[in-house]
Amino acid sequence: IDIMSSNEKLANQGSQFLFIAQALERIADHVTNLCEWINYMKTGEIKEFNN
């Protein structure tokens, strides 16, 4: 944060990086949900893949 506040270009890049990281986290959550549904459809068991 200190580095980002001292340089406007780094602040812009840093905020874009944080936005991308948040989007990737949401994608990973959706993939986990899909895997849980596929597992349920195949085995009939409810299993959480997030630990």
PDB file of N, CA and C in Angstrom:
ATOM      1  N   ILE A   1       0.833  -1.187   0.000  1.00  0.00           N
ATOM      2  CA  ILE A   1       0.000   0.000   0.000  1.00  0.00           C
ATOM      3  C   ILE A   1       0.875   1.248   0.000  1.00  0.00           C
ATOM      4  N   ASP A   2       1.950   1.234   0.770  1.00  0.00           N
ATOM      5  CA  ASP A   2       2.840   2.397   0.800  1.00  0.00           C
ATOM      6  C   ASP A   2       3.439   2.650  -0.579  1.00  0.00           C
ATOM      7  N   ILE A   3       3.862   1.591  -1.248  1.00  0.00           N
ATOM      8  CA  ILE A   3       4.451   1.733  -2.585  1.00  0.00           C
ATOM      9  C   ILE A   3       3.399   2.225  -3.568  1.00  0.00           C
ATOM     10  N   MET A   4       2.184   1.661  -3.469  1.00  0.00           N
ATOM     11  CA  MET A   4       1.119   2.067  -4.384  1.00  0.00           C
ATOM     12  C   MET A   4       0.745   3.529  -4.183  1.00  0.00           C
ATOM     13  N   SER A   5       0.760   3.998  -2.949  1.00  0.00           N
ATOM     14  CA  SER A   5       0.366   5.385  -2.695  1.00  0.00           C
ATOM     15  C   SER A   5       1.422   6.378  -3.170  1.00  0.00           C
ATOM     16  N   SER A   6       2.660   5.931  -3.326  1.00  0.00           N
ATOM     17  CA  SER A   6       3.711   6.846  -3.760  1.00  0.00           C
ATOM     18  C   SER A   6       3.824   6.934  -5.279  1.00  0.00           C
ATOM     19  N   ASN A   7       3.197   6.017  -5.999  1.00  0.00           N
ATOM     20  CA  ASN A   7       3.321   6.003  -7.454  1.00  0.00           C
ATOM     21  C   ASN A   7       1.953   5.718  -8.066  1.00  0.00           C
ATOM     22  N   GLU A   8       1.442   6.692  -8.837  1.00  0.00           N
ATOM     23  CA  GLU A   8       0.098   6.563  -9.417  1.00  0.00           C
ATOM     24  C   GLU A   8       0.003   5.391 -10.390  1.00  0.00           C
ATOM     25  N   LYS A   9       1.047   5.169 -11.176  1.00  0.00           N
ATOM     26  CA  LYS A   9       1.037   4.064 -12.137  1.00  0.00           C
ATOM     27  C   LYS A   9       0.956   2.725 -11.404  1.00  0.00           C
ATOM     28  N   LEU A  10       1.737   2.582 -10.334  1.00  0.00           N
ATOM     29  CA  LEU A  10       1.685   1.350  -9.550  1.00  0.00           C
ATOM     30  C   LEU A  10       0.335   1.184  -8.863  1.00  0.00           C
ATOM     31  N   ALA A  11      -0.266   2.285  -8.446  1.00  0.00           N
ATOM     32  CA  ALA A  11      -1.582   2.211  -7.810  1.00  0.00           C
ATOM     33  C   ALA A  11      -2.610   1.693  -8.798  1.00  0.00           C
ATOM     34  N   ASN A  12      -2.563   2.163 -10.031  1.00  0.00           N
ATOM     35  CA  ASN A  12      -3.490   1.704 -11.064  1.00  0.00           C
ATOM     36  C   ASN A  12      -3.275   0.223 -11.349  1.00  0.00           C
ATOM     37  N   GLN A  13      -2.028  -0.173 -11.524  1.00  0.00           N
ATOM     38  CA  GLN A  13      -1.724  -1.580 -11.792  1.00  0.00           C
ATOM     39  C   GLN A  13      -2.098  -2.457 -10.602  1.00  0.00           C
ATOM     40  N   GLY A  14      -1.838  -1.980  -9.412  1.00  0.00           N
ATOM     41  CA  GLY A  14      -2.170  -2.748  -8.212  1.00  0.00           C
ATOM     42  C   GLY A  14      -3.663  -2.951  -8.055  1.00  0.00           C
ATOM     43  N   SER A  15      -4.438  -1.903  -8.332  1.00  0.00           N
ATOM     44  CA  SER A  15      -5.890  -2.044  -8.215  1.00  0.00           C
ATOM     45  C   SER A  15      -6.431  -2.988  -9.281  1.00  0.00           C
ATOM     46  N   GLN A  16      -5.861  -2.958 -10.484  1.00  0.00           N
ATOM     47  CA  GLN A  16      -6.273  -3.899 -11.525  1.00  0.00           C
ATOM     48  C   GLN A  16      -5.911  -5.329 -11.134  1.00  0.00           C
ATOM     49  N   PHE A  17      -4.751  -5.507 -10.538  1.00  0.00           N
ATOM     50  CA  PHE A  17      -4.335  -6.829 -10.082  1.00  0.00           C
ATOM     51  C   PHE A  17      -5.293  -7.369  -9.025  1.00  0.00           C
ATOM     52  N   LEU A  18      -5.697  -6.514  -8.085  1.00  0.00           N
ATOM     53  CA  LEU A  18      -6.637  -6.940  -7.051  1.00  0.00           C
ATOM     54  C   LEU A  18      -7.987  -7.322  -7.651  1.00  0.00           C
ATOM     55  N   PHE A  19      -8.442  -6.575  -8.656  1.00  0.00           N
ATOM     56  CA  PHE A  19      -9.703  -6.889  -9.329  1.00  0.00           C
ATOM     57  C   PHE A  19      -9.614  -8.244 -10.026  1.00  0.00           C
ATOM     58  N   ILE A  20      -8.504  -8.498 -10.697  1.00  0.00           N
ATOM     59  CA  ILE A  20      -8.302  -9.784 -11.381  1.00  0.00           C
ATOM     60  C   ILE A  20      -8.248 -10.920 -10.368  1.00  0.00           C
ATOM     61  N   ALA A  21      -7.558 -10.711  -9.257  1.00  0.00           N
ATOM     62  CA  ALA A  21      -7.468 -11.746  -8.222  1.00  0.00           C
ATOM     63  C   ALA A  21      -8.849 -12.077  -7.663  1.00  0.00           C
ATOM     64  N   GLN A  22      -9.678 -11.064  -7.480  1.00  0.00           N
ATOM     65  CA  GLN A  22     -11.033 -11.284  -6.978  1.00  0.00           C
ATOM     66  C   GLN A  22     -11.856 -12.076  -7.994  1.00  0.00           C
ATOM     67  N   ALA A  23     -11.726 -11.748  -9.276  1.00  0.00           N
ATOM     68  CA  ALA A  23     -12.460 -12.469 -10.317  1.00  0.00           C
ATOM     69  C   ALA A  23     -12.014 -13.927 -10.388  1.00  0.00           C
ATOM     70  N   LEU A  24     -10.714 -14.166 -10.272  1.00  0.00           N
ATOM     71  CA  LEU A  24     -10.211 -15.546 -10.295  1.00  0.00           C
ATOM     72  C   LEU A  24     -10.713 -16.342  -9.090  1.00  0.00           C
ATOM     73  N   GLU A  25     -10.818 -15.691  -7.954  1.00  0.00           N
ATOM     74  CA  GLU A  25     -11.342 -16.370  -6.770  1.00  0.00           C
ATOM     75  C   GLU A  25     -12.800 -16.773  -6.976  1.00  0.00           C
ATOM     76  N   ARG A  26     -13.589 -15.895  -7.593  1.00  0.00           N
ATOM     77  CA  ARG A  26     -14.994 -16.228  -7.875  1.00  0.00           C
ATOM     78  C   ARG A  26     -15.094 -17.376  -8.860  1.00  0.00           C
ATOM     79  N   ILE A  27     -14.233 -17.378  -9.879  1.00  0.00           N
ATOM     80  CA  ILE A  27     -14.226 -18.476 -10.849  1.00  0.00           C
ATOM     81  C   ILE A  27     -13.903 -19.787 -10.145  1.00  0.00           C
ATOM     82  N   ALA A  28     -12.915 -19.762  -9.269  1.00  0.00           N
ATOM     83  CA  ALA A  28     -12.537 -20.972  -8.533  1.00  0.00           C
ATOM     84  C   ALA A  28     -13.685 -21.465  -7.660  1.00  0.00           C
ATOM     85  N   ASP A  29     -14.431 -20.556  -7.045  1.00  0.00           N
ATOM     86  CA  ASP A  29     -15.589 -20.951  -6.242  1.00  0.00           C
ATOM     87  C   ASP A  29     -16.649 -21.626  -7.103  1.00  0.00           C
ATOM     88  N   HIS A  30     -16.881 -21.081  -8.298  1.00  0.00           N
ATOM     89  CA  HIS A  30     -17.863 -21.690  -9.210  1.00  0.00           C
ATOM     90  C   HIS A  30     -17.415 -23.083  -9.654  1.00  0.00           C
ATOM     91  N   VAL A  31     -16.147 -23.231  -9.948  1.00  0.00           N
ATOM     92  CA  VAL A  31     -15.622 -24.544 -10.357  1.00  0.00           C
ATOM     93  C   VAL A  31     -15.783 -25.550  -9.220  1.00  0.00           C
ATOM     94  N   THR A  32     -15.518 -25.123  -7.998  1.00  0.00           N
ATOM     95  CA  THR A  32     -15.698 -26.008  -6.846  1.00  0.00           C
ATOM     96  C   THR A  32     -17.152 -26.442  -6.725  1.00  0.00           C
ATOM     97  N   ASN A  33     -18.081 -25.494  -6.892  1.00  0.00           N
ATOM     98  CA  ASN A  33     -19.502 -25.839  -6.825  1.00  0.00           C
ATOM     99  C   ASN A  33     -19.882 -26.832  -7.916  1.00  0.00           C
ATOM    100  N   LEU A  34     -19.376 -26.624  -9.120  1.00  0.00           N
ATOM    101  CA  LEU A  34     -19.651 -27.567 -10.207  1.00  0.00           C
ATOM    102  C   LEU A  34     -19.136 -28.958  -9.879  1.00  0.00           C
ATOM    103  N   CYS A  35     -17.944 -29.035  -9.337  1.00  0.00           N
ATOM    104  CA  CYS A  35     -17.369 -30.335  -8.971  1.00  0.00           C
ATOM    105  C   CYS A  35     -18.193 -31.013  -7.883  1.00  0.00           C
ATOM    106  N   GLU A  36     -18.678 -30.239  -6.930  1.00  0.00           N
ATOM    107  CA  GLU A  36     -19.515 -30.820  -5.885  1.00  0.00           C
ATOM    108  C   GLU A  36     -20.812 -31.371  -6.467  1.00  0.00           C
ATOM    109  N   TRP A  37     -21.429 -30.632  -7.420  1.00  0.00           N
ATOM    110  CA  TRP A  37     -22.658 -31.113  -8.057  1.00  0.00           C
ATOM    111  C   TRP A  37     -22.396 -32.360  -8.889  1.00  0.00           C
ATOM    112  N   ILE A  38     -21.310 -32.383  -9.617  1.00  0.00           N
ATOM    113  CA  ILE A  38     -20.972 -33.564 -10.422  1.00  0.00           C
ATOM    114  C   ILE A  38     -20.753 -34.767  -9.517  1.00  0.00           C
ATOM    115  N   ASN A  39     -20.051 -34.561  -8.417  1.00  0.00           N
ATOM    116  CA  ASN A  39     -19.825 -35.648  -7.469  1.00  0.00           C
ATOM    117  C   ASN A  39     -21.157 -36.154  -6.915  1.00  0.00           C
ATOM    118  N   TYR A  40     -22.065 -35.236  -6.584  1.00  0.00           N
ATOM    119  CA  TYR A  40     -23.372 -35.630  -6.052  1.00  0.00           C
ATOM    120  C   TYR A  40     -24.171 -36.422  -7.090  1.00  0.00           C
ATOM    121  N   MET A  41     -24.154 -35.960  -8.333  1.00  0.00           N
ATOM    122  CA  MET A  41     -24.892 -36.648  -9.392  1.00  0.00           C
ATOM    123  C   MET A  41     -24.334 -38.048  -9.638  1.00  0.00           C
ATOM    124  N   LYS A  42     -23.045 -38.201  -9.490  1.00  0.00           N
ATOM    125  CA  LYS A  42     -22.398 -39.482  -9.764  1.00  0.00           C
ATOM    126  C   LYS A  42     -22.503 -40.458  -8.595  1.00  0.00           C
ATOM    127  N   THR A  43     -22.372 -39.959  -7.361  1.00  0.00           N
ATOM    128  CA  THR A  43     -22.307 -40.850  -6.201  1.00  0.00           C
ATOM    129  C   THR A  43     -23.539 -40.779  -5.306  1.00  0.00           C
ATOM    130  N   GLY A  44     -24.295 -39.690  -5.393  1.00  0.00           N
ATOM    131  CA  GLY A  44     -25.434 -39.507  -4.499  1.00  0.00           C
ATOM    132  C   GLY A  44     -25.036 -39.012  -3.122  1.00  0.00           C
ATOM    133  N   GLU A  45     -23.772 -38.714  -2.928  1.00  0.00           N
ATOM    134  CA  GLU A  45     -23.273 -38.215  -1.645  1.00  0.00           C
ATOM    135  C   GLU A  45     -22.976 -36.722  -1.740  1.00  0.00           C
ATOM    136  N   ILE A  46     -23.324 -36.013  -0.677  1.00  0.00           N
ATOM    137  CA  ILE A  46     -22.977 -34.593  -0.601  1.00  0.00           C
ATOM    138  C   ILE A  46     -21.607 -34.495   0.044  1.00  0.00           C
ATOM    139  N   LYS A  47     -20.658 -33.945  -0.690  1.00  0.00           N
ATOM    140  CA  LYS A  47     -19.289 -33.818  -0.190  1.00  0.00           C
ATOM    141  C   LYS A  47     -18.806 -32.397  -0.443  1.00  0.00           C
ATOM    142  N   GLU A  48     -18.253 -31.782   0.577  1.00  0.00           N
ATOM    143  CA  GLU A  48     -17.678 -30.445   0.453  1.00  0.00           C
ATOM    144  C   GLU A  48     -16.231 -30.574  -0.001  1.00  0.00           C
ATOM    145  N   PHE A  49     -15.877 -29.877  -1.062  1.00  0.00           N
ATOM    146  CA  PHE A  49     -14.503 -29.903  -1.542  1.00  0.00           C
ATOM    147  C   PHE A  49     -13.678 -28.749  -0.987  1.00  0.00           C
ATOM    148  N   ASN A  50     -14.328 -27.788  -0.345  1.00  0.00           N
ATOM    149  CA  ASN A  50     -13.605 -26.692   0.318  1.00  0.00           C
ATOM    150  C   ASN A  50     -13.258 -27.118   1.726  1.00  0.00           C
ATOM    151  N   ASN A  51     -12.037 -26.934   2.097  1.00  0.00           N
ATOM    152  CA  ASN A  51     -11.611 -27.249   3.468  1.00  0.00           C
ATOM    153  C   ASN A  51     -11.190 -26.004   4.173  1.00  0.00           C
TER     154      ASN A  51
END
